[in-house]
N, C-alpha and C. Protein backbone atom coordinates (compact mmCIF):
# COMPACT_ATOMS: atom_id res chain seq x y z
N MET A 1 0.83 -1.21 0.00
CA MET A 1 0.00 0.00 0.00
C MET A 1 0.86 1.26 0.00
N LYS A 2 1.90 1.27 0.85
CA LYS A 2 2.78 2.43 0.90
C LYS A 2 3.47 2.64 -0.44
N GLN A 3 3.91 1.51 -1.06
CA GLN A 3 4.58 1.62 -2.35
C GLN A 3 3.62 2.21 -3.39
N GLY A 4 2.36 1.77 -3.34
CA GLY A 4 1.37 2.30 -4.27
C GLY A 4 1.15 3.78 -4.08
N ARG A 5 1.15 4.22 -2.81
CA ARG A 5 0.99 5.64 -2.54
C ARG A 5 2.17 6.44 -3.09
N LYS A 6 3.37 5.86 -2.98
CA LYS A 6 4.56 6.55 -3.50
C LYS A 6 4.44 6.76 -5.00
N TRP A 7 3.97 5.70 -5.70
CA TRP A 7 3.81 5.83 -7.15
C TRP A 7 2.76 6.88 -7.49
N LEU A 8 1.65 6.89 -6.74
CA LEU A 8 0.62 7.88 -6.99
C LEU A 8 1.15 9.30 -6.75
N PHE A 9 1.95 9.45 -5.69
CA PHE A 9 2.53 10.75 -5.39
C PHE A 9 3.48 11.18 -6.50
N ALA A 10 4.31 10.22 -6.97
CA ALA A 10 5.27 10.53 -8.04
C ALA A 10 4.55 10.95 -9.31
N LEU A 11 3.49 10.20 -9.66
CA LEU A 11 2.73 10.54 -10.85
C LEU A 11 2.05 11.90 -10.72
N SER A 12 1.52 12.17 -9.53
CA SER A 12 0.87 13.45 -9.29
C SER A 12 1.86 14.59 -9.38
N LEU A 13 3.07 14.39 -8.81
CA LEU A 13 4.11 15.42 -8.84
C LEU A 13 4.56 15.67 -10.27
N ALA A 14 4.75 14.58 -11.02
CA ALA A 14 5.17 14.72 -12.42
C ALA A 14 4.14 15.48 -13.22
N GLY A 15 2.86 15.15 -12.96
CA GLY A 15 1.80 15.86 -13.66
C GLY A 15 1.75 17.32 -13.31
N SER A 16 1.97 17.63 -12.03
CA SER A 16 1.96 19.03 -11.60
C SER A 16 3.11 19.81 -12.23
N LEU A 17 4.31 19.18 -12.26
CA LEU A 17 5.46 19.84 -12.87
C LEU A 17 5.23 20.06 -14.36
N SER A 18 4.62 19.09 -15.02
CA SER A 18 4.33 19.23 -16.45
C SER A 18 3.37 20.37 -16.70
N LEU A 19 2.32 20.47 -15.88
CA LEU A 19 1.37 21.56 -16.03
C LEU A 19 2.02 22.91 -15.74
N ALA A 20 2.89 22.95 -14.73
CA ALA A 20 3.58 24.20 -14.39
C ALA A 20 4.48 24.63 -15.53
N SER A 21 5.19 23.65 -16.14
CA SER A 21 6.06 23.96 -17.26
C SER A 21 5.27 24.49 -18.44
N ALA A 22 4.14 23.84 -18.73
CA ALA A 22 3.31 24.28 -19.84
C ALA A 22 2.77 25.69 -19.60
N ALA A 23 2.39 25.96 -18.36
CA ALA A 23 1.86 27.28 -18.02
C ALA A 23 2.93 28.35 -18.18
N ALA A 24 4.17 28.00 -17.78
CA ALA A 24 5.26 28.97 -17.90
C ALA A 24 5.54 29.29 -19.35
N GLN A 25 5.52 28.23 -20.21
CA GLN A 25 5.76 28.45 -21.63
C GLN A 25 4.62 29.23 -22.27
N ALA A 26 3.40 28.91 -21.87
CA ALA A 26 2.24 29.58 -22.47
C ALA A 26 2.23 31.07 -22.18
N ALA A 27 2.98 31.48 -21.15
CA ALA A 27 2.98 32.89 -20.79
C ALA A 27 3.67 33.76 -21.82
N ALA A 28 4.50 33.19 -22.70
CA ALA A 28 5.26 33.99 -23.65
C ALA A 28 4.35 34.77 -24.58
N ILE A 29 3.34 34.12 -25.15
CA ILE A 29 2.42 34.82 -26.03
C ILE A 29 1.62 35.85 -25.24
N GLU A 30 1.23 35.50 -24.03
CA GLU A 30 0.49 36.45 -23.19
C GLU A 30 1.35 37.67 -22.87
N LYS A 31 2.66 37.45 -22.66
CA LYS A 31 3.56 38.57 -22.39
C LYS A 31 3.64 39.51 -23.59
N LEU A 32 3.70 38.93 -24.80
CA LEU A 32 3.72 39.76 -25.99
C LEU A 32 2.42 40.56 -26.11
N GLN A 33 1.31 39.92 -25.87
CA GLN A 33 0.02 40.62 -25.97
C GLN A 33 -0.09 41.73 -24.95
N ARG A 34 0.36 41.45 -23.71
CA ARG A 34 0.34 42.50 -22.68
C ARG A 34 1.29 43.62 -23.04
N PHE A 35 2.45 43.25 -23.60
CA PHE A 35 3.43 44.25 -24.01
C PHE A 35 2.84 45.19 -25.04
N LEU A 36 2.18 44.64 -26.05
CA LEU A 36 1.60 45.47 -27.10
C LEU A 36 0.45 46.32 -26.57
N GLU A 37 -0.32 45.78 -25.64
CA GLU A 37 -1.45 46.52 -25.09
C GLU A 37 -1.01 47.68 -24.20
N SER A 38 0.13 47.51 -23.52
CA SER A 38 0.56 48.51 -22.55
C SER A 38 1.65 49.45 -23.07
N THR A 39 2.13 49.21 -24.28
CA THR A 39 3.25 49.99 -24.80
C THR A 39 2.80 50.85 -25.98
N GLN A 40 2.82 52.16 -25.77
CA GLN A 40 2.51 53.09 -26.85
C GLN A 40 3.79 53.61 -27.50
N THR A 41 4.78 53.89 -26.67
CA THR A 41 6.09 54.30 -27.18
C THR A 41 7.17 53.46 -26.51
N MET A 42 8.35 53.42 -27.14
CA MET A 42 9.43 52.59 -26.62
C MET A 42 10.75 53.14 -27.11
N ARG A 43 11.75 53.01 -26.25
CA ARG A 43 13.12 53.36 -26.63
C ARG A 43 14.06 52.33 -26.02
N ALA A 44 15.07 51.91 -26.79
CA ALA A 44 16.04 50.93 -26.28
C ALA A 44 17.31 50.99 -27.12
N ASP A 45 18.43 50.68 -26.48
CA ASP A 45 19.67 50.44 -27.22
C ASP A 45 19.62 49.00 -27.73
N PHE A 46 20.30 48.75 -28.84
CA PHE A 46 20.31 47.39 -29.36
C PHE A 46 21.70 47.03 -29.89
N SER A 47 22.01 45.74 -29.81
CA SER A 47 23.17 45.17 -30.49
C SER A 47 22.62 44.14 -31.46
N GLN A 48 23.21 44.08 -32.64
CA GLN A 48 22.66 43.25 -33.71
C GLN A 48 23.77 42.43 -34.35
N GLN A 49 23.51 41.16 -34.58
CA GLN A 49 24.46 40.30 -35.27
C GLN A 49 23.75 39.56 -36.39
N LEU A 50 24.31 39.64 -37.58
CA LEU A 50 23.76 38.93 -38.73
C LEU A 50 24.72 37.81 -39.11
N VAL A 51 24.18 36.59 -39.23
CA VAL A 51 24.98 35.41 -39.58
C VAL A 51 24.45 34.83 -40.87
N SER A 52 25.34 34.54 -41.83
CA SER A 52 24.93 34.01 -43.12
C SER A 52 24.52 32.55 -43.00
N ARG A 53 23.97 32.01 -44.09
CA ARG A 53 23.50 30.63 -44.10
C ARG A 53 24.62 29.65 -43.74
N ASP A 54 25.83 29.90 -44.26
CA ASP A 54 26.95 28.99 -44.00
C ASP A 54 27.70 29.34 -42.72
N ALA A 55 27.21 30.35 -41.98
CA ALA A 55 27.78 30.78 -40.69
C ALA A 55 29.19 31.34 -40.84
N ARG A 56 29.62 31.63 -42.05
CA ARG A 56 30.97 32.18 -42.24
C ARG A 56 30.99 33.70 -42.17
N THR A 57 29.90 34.31 -42.59
CA THR A 57 29.84 35.77 -42.59
C THR A 57 29.10 36.26 -41.36
N ARG A 58 29.75 37.10 -40.60
CA ARG A 58 29.13 37.66 -39.41
C ARG A 58 29.29 39.18 -39.44
N GLN A 59 28.19 39.88 -39.27
CA GLN A 59 28.21 41.33 -39.24
C GLN A 59 27.60 41.79 -37.93
N GLN A 60 28.27 42.70 -37.26
CA GLN A 60 27.78 43.21 -35.99
C GLN A 60 27.55 44.71 -36.08
N SER A 61 26.50 45.17 -35.45
CA SER A 61 26.20 46.59 -35.42
C SER A 61 25.47 46.92 -34.13
N SER A 62 25.34 48.20 -33.85
CA SER A 62 24.64 48.62 -32.64
C SER A 62 24.07 50.01 -32.85
N GLY A 63 23.09 50.35 -32.04
CA GLY A 63 22.47 51.65 -32.18
C GLY A 63 21.31 51.83 -31.23
N VAL A 64 20.34 52.63 -31.66
CA VAL A 64 19.19 52.99 -30.83
C VAL A 64 17.92 52.79 -31.66
N MET A 65 16.89 52.25 -31.03
CA MET A 65 15.61 52.12 -31.69
C MET A 65 14.53 52.81 -30.86
N MET A 66 13.59 53.41 -31.57
CA MET A 66 12.46 54.08 -30.94
C MET A 66 11.21 53.76 -31.75
N LEU A 67 10.07 53.70 -31.09
CA LEU A 67 8.83 53.50 -31.82
C LEU A 67 7.68 54.20 -31.13
N SER A 68 6.70 54.54 -31.94
CA SER A 68 5.47 55.13 -31.46
C SER A 68 4.35 54.42 -32.21
N ARG A 69 3.63 53.59 -31.50
CA ARG A 69 2.63 52.76 -32.13
C ARG A 69 1.31 53.52 -32.31
N PRO A 70 0.59 53.27 -33.43
CA PRO A 70 0.93 52.27 -34.44
C PRO A 70 1.70 52.87 -35.62
N GLY A 71 2.67 52.14 -36.11
CA GLY A 71 3.28 52.42 -37.40
C GLY A 71 4.49 53.32 -37.46
N LYS A 72 4.82 54.02 -36.37
CA LYS A 72 5.94 54.95 -36.43
C LYS A 72 7.15 54.37 -35.70
N PHE A 73 8.31 54.45 -36.34
CA PHE A 73 9.52 53.92 -35.71
C PHE A 73 10.76 54.62 -36.24
N ARG A 74 11.83 54.49 -35.47
CA ARG A 74 13.14 55.04 -35.85
C ARG A 74 14.18 54.01 -35.45
N TRP A 75 14.90 53.50 -36.44
CA TRP A 75 15.91 52.46 -36.21
C TRP A 75 17.24 53.05 -36.65
N GLN A 76 18.09 53.41 -35.69
CA GLN A 76 19.30 54.18 -35.95
C GLN A 76 20.54 53.34 -35.65
N ILE A 77 21.25 52.94 -36.70
CA ILE A 77 22.50 52.20 -36.54
C ILE A 77 23.65 53.21 -36.44
N ASP A 78 24.43 53.12 -35.38
CA ASP A 78 25.54 54.05 -35.16
C ASP A 78 26.90 53.43 -35.46
N ARG A 79 27.04 52.13 -35.21
CA ARG A 79 28.32 51.44 -35.42
C ARG A 79 28.07 50.11 -36.12
N PRO A 80 29.00 49.65 -36.97
CA PRO A 80 30.27 50.27 -37.37
C PRO A 80 30.12 51.35 -38.44
N TYR A 81 28.93 51.49 -39.00
CA TYR A 81 28.64 52.54 -39.97
C TYR A 81 27.25 53.08 -39.68
N GLN A 82 26.95 54.25 -40.21
CA GLN A 82 25.67 54.87 -39.92
C GLN A 82 24.62 54.48 -40.96
N GLN A 83 23.44 54.18 -40.48
CA GLN A 83 22.28 53.94 -41.34
C GLN A 83 21.04 54.27 -40.52
N LEU A 84 20.02 54.79 -41.19
CA LEU A 84 18.82 55.23 -40.48
C LEU A 84 17.58 54.75 -41.21
N LEU A 85 16.65 54.15 -40.46
CA LEU A 85 15.34 53.79 -40.98
C LEU A 85 14.30 54.57 -40.19
N VAL A 86 13.43 55.26 -40.90
CA VAL A 86 12.39 56.05 -40.26
C VAL A 86 11.06 55.72 -40.91
N GLY A 87 10.06 55.40 -40.08
CA GLY A 87 8.71 55.16 -40.56
C GLY A 87 7.75 56.15 -39.93
N ASP A 88 6.93 56.81 -40.76
CA ASP A 88 6.00 57.82 -40.24
C ASP A 88 4.55 57.33 -40.22
N GLY A 89 4.34 56.04 -40.44
CA GLY A 89 2.99 55.50 -40.47
C GLY A 89 2.46 55.30 -41.87
N GLU A 90 3.07 55.99 -42.85
CA GLU A 90 2.66 55.84 -44.24
C GLU A 90 3.81 55.38 -45.13
N ARG A 91 5.00 55.92 -44.87
CA ARG A 91 6.16 55.56 -45.66
C ARG A 91 7.35 55.25 -44.76
N VAL A 92 8.32 54.54 -45.33
CA VAL A 92 9.55 54.20 -44.62
C VAL A 92 10.73 54.70 -45.45
N TRP A 93 11.63 55.43 -44.79
CA TRP A 93 12.84 55.92 -45.42
C TRP A 93 14.04 55.12 -44.91
N ILE A 94 14.90 54.69 -45.82
CA ILE A 94 16.13 54.00 -45.46
C ILE A 94 17.28 54.87 -45.96
N HIS A 95 17.99 55.48 -45.05
CA HIS A 95 19.02 56.47 -45.41
C HIS A 95 20.41 55.91 -45.17
N ASP A 96 21.23 55.91 -46.21
CA ASP A 96 22.63 55.51 -46.11
C ASP A 96 23.48 56.75 -46.36
N PRO A 97 23.97 57.41 -45.28
CA PRO A 97 24.73 58.65 -45.45
C PRO A 97 25.99 58.48 -46.29
N GLU A 98 26.67 57.35 -46.16
CA GLU A 98 27.92 57.15 -46.90
C GLU A 98 27.67 57.11 -48.40
N LEU A 99 26.57 56.47 -48.81
CA LEU A 99 26.23 56.41 -50.23
C LEU A 99 25.44 57.62 -50.70
N ARG A 100 25.02 58.46 -49.74
CA ARG A 100 24.17 59.62 -50.05
C ARG A 100 22.93 59.16 -50.81
N GLN A 101 22.27 58.18 -50.23
CA GLN A 101 21.13 57.57 -50.90
C GLN A 101 20.01 57.30 -49.91
N VAL A 102 18.77 57.53 -50.34
CA VAL A 102 17.60 57.24 -49.54
C VAL A 102 16.65 56.38 -50.37
N THR A 103 16.21 55.27 -49.79
CA THR A 103 15.21 54.42 -50.42
C THR A 103 13.89 54.61 -49.67
N VAL A 104 12.81 54.83 -50.43
CA VAL A 104 11.50 55.09 -49.84
C VAL A 104 10.56 53.95 -50.22
N LYS A 105 9.83 53.42 -49.21
CA LYS A 105 8.86 52.37 -49.43
C LYS A 105 7.55 52.73 -48.73
N ARG A 106 6.47 52.17 -49.25
CA ARG A 106 5.20 52.28 -48.54
C ARG A 106 5.25 51.40 -47.29
N VAL A 107 4.52 51.80 -46.26
CA VAL A 107 4.52 51.03 -45.02
C VAL A 107 4.06 49.60 -45.27
N GLY A 108 3.06 49.41 -46.12
CA GLY A 108 2.56 48.07 -46.40
C GLY A 108 3.62 47.15 -46.94
N ASP A 109 4.59 47.68 -47.69
CA ASP A 109 5.67 46.88 -48.25
C ASP A 109 6.78 46.64 -47.26
N ALA A 110 6.89 47.50 -46.25
CA ALA A 110 8.01 47.41 -45.32
C ALA A 110 7.65 46.82 -43.97
N MET A 111 6.36 46.90 -43.59
CA MET A 111 5.96 46.41 -42.28
C MET A 111 6.27 44.93 -42.13
N GLY A 112 6.92 44.59 -41.04
CA GLY A 112 7.26 43.20 -40.79
C GLY A 112 8.61 42.80 -41.31
N SER A 113 9.21 43.59 -42.21
CA SER A 113 10.51 43.23 -42.76
C SER A 113 11.65 43.69 -41.87
N THR A 114 11.36 44.50 -40.85
CA THR A 114 12.37 44.92 -39.87
C THR A 114 11.79 44.72 -38.48
N PRO A 115 12.64 44.54 -37.47
CA PRO A 115 12.15 44.38 -36.09
C PRO A 115 11.32 45.57 -35.63
N ALA A 116 11.77 46.78 -35.95
CA ALA A 116 11.05 47.96 -35.49
C ALA A 116 9.68 48.03 -36.13
N ALA A 117 9.59 47.71 -37.42
CA ALA A 117 8.31 47.74 -38.11
C ALA A 117 7.35 46.71 -37.53
N LEU A 118 7.90 45.54 -37.20
CA LEU A 118 7.08 44.49 -36.61
C LEU A 118 6.49 44.92 -35.27
N LEU A 119 7.32 45.50 -34.41
CA LEU A 119 6.87 45.92 -33.09
C LEU A 119 5.96 47.15 -33.14
N ALA A 120 6.13 47.97 -34.17
CA ALA A 120 5.35 49.20 -34.26
C ALA A 120 3.99 48.98 -34.87
N GLY A 121 3.70 47.77 -35.33
CA GLY A 121 2.43 47.48 -35.97
C GLY A 121 1.26 47.53 -35.00
N ASP A 122 0.07 47.23 -35.52
CA ASP A 122 -1.10 47.26 -34.65
C ASP A 122 -1.09 46.06 -33.71
N ARG A 123 -2.09 46.00 -32.83
CA ARG A 123 -2.12 44.97 -31.80
C ARG A 123 -2.60 43.62 -32.32
N ALA A 124 -3.19 43.59 -33.50
CA ALA A 124 -3.77 42.35 -34.02
C ALA A 124 -2.71 41.53 -34.77
N LEU A 125 -1.68 41.13 -34.05
CA LEU A 125 -0.61 40.37 -34.68
C LEU A 125 -1.10 39.04 -35.24
N GLU A 126 -2.11 38.47 -34.60
CA GLU A 126 -2.60 37.17 -35.04
C GLU A 126 -3.15 37.21 -36.46
N LYS A 127 -3.54 38.41 -36.93
CA LYS A 127 -4.05 38.52 -38.30
C LYS A 127 -2.92 38.39 -39.31
N ARG A 128 -1.70 38.79 -38.91
CA ARG A 128 -0.58 38.76 -39.85
C ARG A 128 0.43 37.66 -39.55
N PHE A 129 0.34 37.08 -38.33
CA PHE A 129 1.32 36.07 -37.93
C PHE A 129 0.64 34.90 -37.23
N ILE A 130 1.23 33.73 -37.38
CA ILE A 130 0.84 32.56 -36.59
C ILE A 130 1.77 32.51 -35.39
N LEU A 131 1.23 32.62 -34.19
CA LEU A 131 2.04 32.67 -32.96
C LEU A 131 2.06 31.30 -32.30
N THR A 132 3.26 30.85 -31.94
CA THR A 132 3.41 29.58 -31.23
C THR A 132 4.43 29.76 -30.12
N GLU A 133 4.30 28.95 -29.07
CA GLU A 133 5.25 28.98 -27.97
C GLU A 133 6.56 28.33 -28.40
N ALA A 134 7.69 28.88 -27.95
CA ALA A 134 9.00 28.35 -28.31
C ALA A 134 9.82 27.95 -27.09
N GLY A 135 9.19 27.92 -25.90
CA GLY A 135 9.87 27.44 -24.71
C GLY A 135 10.84 28.44 -24.11
N GLU A 136 11.71 27.94 -23.25
CA GLU A 136 12.67 28.78 -22.53
C GLU A 136 14.09 28.46 -22.98
N ALA A 137 14.88 29.50 -23.20
CA ALA A 137 16.29 29.33 -23.59
C ALA A 137 17.04 30.61 -23.24
N ASP A 138 18.27 30.46 -22.78
CA ASP A 138 19.12 31.60 -22.41
C ASP A 138 18.45 32.49 -21.36
N GLY A 139 17.64 31.88 -20.49
CA GLY A 139 16.98 32.64 -19.43
C GLY A 139 15.80 33.47 -19.89
N LEU A 140 15.34 33.27 -21.14
CA LEU A 140 14.23 34.04 -21.67
C LEU A 140 13.08 33.11 -22.06
N ASP A 141 11.86 33.65 -22.01
CA ASP A 141 10.69 32.94 -22.51
C ASP A 141 10.47 33.38 -23.95
N TRP A 142 10.40 32.41 -24.87
CA TRP A 142 10.37 32.70 -26.30
C TRP A 142 9.03 32.32 -26.92
N LEU A 143 8.64 33.10 -27.92
CA LEU A 143 7.55 32.73 -28.80
C LEU A 143 8.04 32.88 -30.23
N GLU A 144 7.34 32.24 -31.13
CA GLU A 144 7.73 32.29 -32.54
C GLU A 144 6.56 32.82 -33.36
N ALA A 145 6.84 33.76 -34.26
CA ALA A 145 5.82 34.35 -35.12
C ALA A 145 6.17 34.02 -36.57
N THR A 146 5.25 33.34 -37.24
CA THR A 146 5.43 32.98 -38.64
C THR A 146 4.48 33.81 -39.49
N PRO A 147 4.99 34.58 -40.46
CA PRO A 147 4.11 35.44 -41.27
C PRO A 147 3.09 34.62 -42.07
N ARG A 148 1.89 35.12 -42.14
CA ARG A 148 0.87 34.47 -42.96
C ARG A 148 1.09 34.80 -44.44
N ALA A 149 1.64 35.97 -44.72
CA ALA A 149 1.90 36.38 -46.11
C ALA A 149 3.23 35.81 -46.57
N ALA A 150 3.29 35.40 -47.84
CA ALA A 150 4.51 34.78 -48.37
C ALA A 150 5.58 35.80 -48.70
N ASP A 151 5.22 37.07 -48.84
CA ASP A 151 6.18 38.09 -49.26
C ASP A 151 6.58 39.01 -48.12
N SER A 152 6.67 38.49 -46.91
CA SER A 152 6.95 39.32 -45.73
C SER A 152 8.42 39.69 -45.62
N GLY A 153 9.33 38.97 -46.28
CA GLY A 153 10.75 39.28 -46.19
C GLY A 153 11.51 38.35 -45.25
N PHE A 154 10.79 37.60 -44.42
CA PHE A 154 11.46 36.64 -43.56
C PHE A 154 10.57 35.43 -43.32
N GLU A 155 11.17 34.31 -42.93
CA GLU A 155 10.43 33.08 -42.72
C GLU A 155 9.75 33.04 -41.37
N ARG A 156 10.44 33.51 -40.35
CA ARG A 156 9.89 33.50 -39.00
C ARG A 156 10.71 34.42 -38.12
N VAL A 157 10.15 34.77 -36.97
CA VAL A 157 10.86 35.59 -36.00
C VAL A 157 10.58 35.05 -34.61
N ARG A 158 11.61 35.02 -33.78
CA ARG A 158 11.48 34.62 -32.39
C ARG A 158 11.62 35.86 -31.51
N ILE A 159 10.78 35.94 -30.48
CA ILE A 159 10.78 37.09 -29.58
C ILE A 159 10.94 36.58 -28.16
N GLY A 160 11.93 37.14 -27.43
CA GLY A 160 12.24 36.67 -26.09
C GLY A 160 11.95 37.71 -25.02
N PHE A 161 11.34 37.26 -23.92
CA PHE A 161 11.01 38.13 -22.80
C PHE A 161 11.69 37.65 -21.53
N ALA A 162 12.14 38.61 -20.72
CA ALA A 162 12.59 38.35 -19.36
C ALA A 162 11.57 39.02 -18.45
N GLY A 163 10.76 38.22 -17.78
CA GLY A 163 9.63 38.80 -17.08
C GLY A 163 8.69 39.40 -18.10
N ASN A 164 8.35 40.68 -17.93
CA ASN A 164 7.49 41.37 -18.90
C ASN A 164 8.27 42.28 -19.83
N ASP A 165 9.61 42.20 -19.78
CA ASP A 165 10.45 43.08 -20.58
C ASP A 165 10.94 42.39 -21.84
N LEU A 166 10.83 43.09 -22.96
CA LEU A 166 11.36 42.60 -24.23
C LEU A 166 12.88 42.65 -24.17
N ARG A 167 13.54 41.53 -24.46
CA ARG A 167 15.00 41.49 -24.35
C ARG A 167 15.69 41.06 -25.63
N ALA A 168 15.02 40.29 -26.50
CA ALA A 168 15.72 39.78 -27.67
C ALA A 168 14.74 39.44 -28.79
N MET A 169 15.28 39.45 -30.02
CA MET A 169 14.55 39.00 -31.20
C MET A 169 15.51 38.28 -32.13
N GLN A 170 15.01 37.30 -32.84
CA GLN A 170 15.78 36.59 -33.86
C GLN A 170 14.94 36.53 -35.13
N LEU A 171 15.50 37.03 -36.23
CA LEU A 171 14.81 36.99 -37.51
C LEU A 171 15.52 36.03 -38.45
N PHE A 172 14.75 35.13 -39.06
CA PHE A 172 15.28 34.17 -40.01
C PHE A 172 14.71 34.56 -41.38
N ASP A 173 15.57 35.10 -42.26
CA ASP A 173 15.05 35.63 -43.52
C ASP A 173 15.00 34.58 -44.61
N ASN A 174 14.53 34.98 -45.78
CA ASN A 174 14.34 34.05 -46.89
C ASN A 174 15.64 33.67 -47.58
N PHE A 175 16.76 34.28 -47.16
CA PHE A 175 18.06 33.97 -47.75
C PHE A 175 18.89 33.06 -46.84
N GLY A 176 18.28 32.56 -45.77
CA GLY A 176 18.99 31.69 -44.86
C GLY A 176 19.83 32.43 -43.84
N GLN A 177 19.69 33.73 -43.77
CA GLN A 177 20.44 34.53 -42.80
C GLN A 177 19.66 34.65 -41.49
N THR A 178 20.40 34.76 -40.39
CA THR A 178 19.79 34.92 -39.08
C THR A 178 20.29 36.22 -38.45
N THR A 179 19.36 37.07 -38.05
CA THR A 179 19.70 38.32 -37.37
C THR A 179 19.25 38.21 -35.92
N THR A 180 20.20 38.38 -35.00
CA THR A 180 19.91 38.30 -33.56
C THR A 180 20.06 39.68 -32.95
N LEU A 181 19.06 40.11 -32.20
CA LEU A 181 19.06 41.42 -31.56
C LEU A 181 18.92 41.26 -30.06
N ARG A 182 19.71 42.05 -29.34
CA ARG A 182 19.61 42.12 -27.89
C ARG A 182 19.32 43.57 -27.50
N PHE A 183 18.33 43.75 -26.63
CA PHE A 183 17.93 45.09 -26.22
C PHE A 183 18.39 45.39 -24.80
N SER A 184 18.80 46.63 -24.58
CA SER A 184 19.22 47.07 -23.24
C SER A 184 18.74 48.50 -23.03
N HIS A 185 18.82 48.98 -21.77
CA HIS A 185 18.37 50.32 -21.42
C HIS A 185 16.97 50.58 -21.97
N PHE A 186 16.11 49.60 -21.75
CA PHE A 186 14.75 49.64 -22.29
C PHE A 186 13.90 50.65 -21.53
N GLU A 187 13.18 51.51 -22.27
CA GLU A 187 12.25 52.47 -21.69
C GLU A 187 10.87 52.25 -22.30
N ARG A 188 9.88 52.07 -21.46
CA ARG A 188 8.52 51.89 -21.95
C ARG A 188 7.73 53.18 -21.77
N ASN A 189 7.07 53.62 -22.83
CA ASN A 189 6.23 54.81 -22.86
C ASN A 189 6.96 56.11 -22.49
N PRO A 190 8.18 56.31 -23.01
CA PRO A 190 8.83 57.61 -22.80
C PRO A 190 8.19 58.66 -23.71
N ALA A 191 8.40 59.93 -23.38
CA ALA A 191 7.94 61.02 -24.24
C ALA A 191 8.91 61.15 -25.42
N LEU A 192 8.42 60.95 -26.63
CA LEU A 192 9.25 61.02 -27.83
C LEU A 192 8.72 62.11 -28.76
N ALA A 193 9.62 62.99 -29.20
CA ALA A 193 9.21 64.10 -30.07
C ALA A 193 8.71 63.59 -31.42
N PRO A 194 7.61 64.11 -31.92
CA PRO A 194 7.08 63.69 -33.23
C PRO A 194 8.09 63.82 -34.36
N ALA A 195 9.01 64.78 -34.24
CA ALA A 195 10.01 65.00 -35.30
C ALA A 195 10.93 63.80 -35.49
N LEU A 196 11.05 62.95 -34.47
CA LEU A 196 11.89 61.76 -34.59
C LEU A 196 11.37 60.80 -35.64
N PHE A 197 10.08 60.89 -35.96
CA PHE A 197 9.47 59.95 -36.89
C PHE A 197 9.12 60.61 -38.22
N ARG A 198 9.82 61.71 -38.51
CA ARG A 198 9.72 62.35 -39.82
C ARG A 198 11.10 62.39 -40.44
N PHE A 199 11.16 62.37 -41.76
CA PHE A 199 12.46 62.38 -42.42
C PHE A 199 12.42 63.29 -43.64
N THR A 200 13.46 64.12 -43.76
CA THR A 200 13.68 64.96 -44.93
C THR A 200 15.06 64.63 -45.50
N ALA A 201 15.10 64.27 -46.76
CA ALA A 201 16.38 63.87 -47.38
C ALA A 201 17.33 65.06 -47.41
N PRO A 202 18.58 64.87 -46.95
CA PRO A 202 19.57 65.96 -47.02
C PRO A 202 19.83 66.38 -48.46
N ALA A 203 20.26 67.61 -48.63
CA ALA A 203 20.59 68.10 -49.96
C ALA A 203 21.70 67.23 -50.59
N GLY A 204 21.55 66.96 -51.88
CA GLY A 204 22.55 66.16 -52.58
C GLY A 204 22.37 64.66 -52.42
N THR A 205 21.25 64.24 -51.82
CA THR A 205 20.99 62.82 -51.61
C THR A 205 20.07 62.28 -52.71
N ASP A 206 20.44 61.14 -53.28
CA ASP A 206 19.59 60.48 -54.29
C ASP A 206 18.43 59.78 -53.59
N VAL A 207 17.22 60.02 -54.09
CA VAL A 207 16.03 59.40 -53.52
C VAL A 207 15.50 58.35 -54.50
N ILE A 208 15.42 57.11 -54.02
CA ILE A 208 14.96 55.99 -54.84
C ILE A 208 13.63 55.48 -54.31
N GLY A 209 12.67 55.30 -55.21
CA GLY A 209 11.37 54.80 -54.78
C GLY A 209 10.33 55.88 -54.81
N GLU A 210 9.32 55.74 -53.98
CA GLU A 210 8.16 56.63 -54.02
C GLU A 210 8.43 57.92 -53.28
């Protein structure tokens, strides 16, 4: 009888741990939903690493990202070279100061193709992405978002949370490249000047696109 009780206790404990683990993993999507519901503006420093399909090419950069939902964002790369992406809710400008060139796209063509654009979108992510739990790794709770549209620019993206704070993203594009982002000095709902989300091409800059 005692042995039978031990087995019942072990099975009950295993079941409880399994349910607790599932609940912890299920929280990742809920954290994203709460994040989007409670975040109107955001500012954070970021470090970015791009790895090629064969893992031989590695590019590292860092800078500052800001967003004002819905649709407005500023993605500013400071090192090792300067590049700026600005979205005003209707268009996206990609400015390369070294080339003196600006590429302009409609928001519909650019949304989802960059981390800032993805986060700056509306709250109905389920309409554009299939969300699934991705478990825990590197101390973060992860979820995976797979675009419903075939022309989104990437195959899938992973989003990692520490508690309720956004800490990391991984984008897997259609060329087999992986971009990993880590966020630090995160600020939720700071006051951001509207001018940060407007862009005027400097004199002497070639403008490509709309």
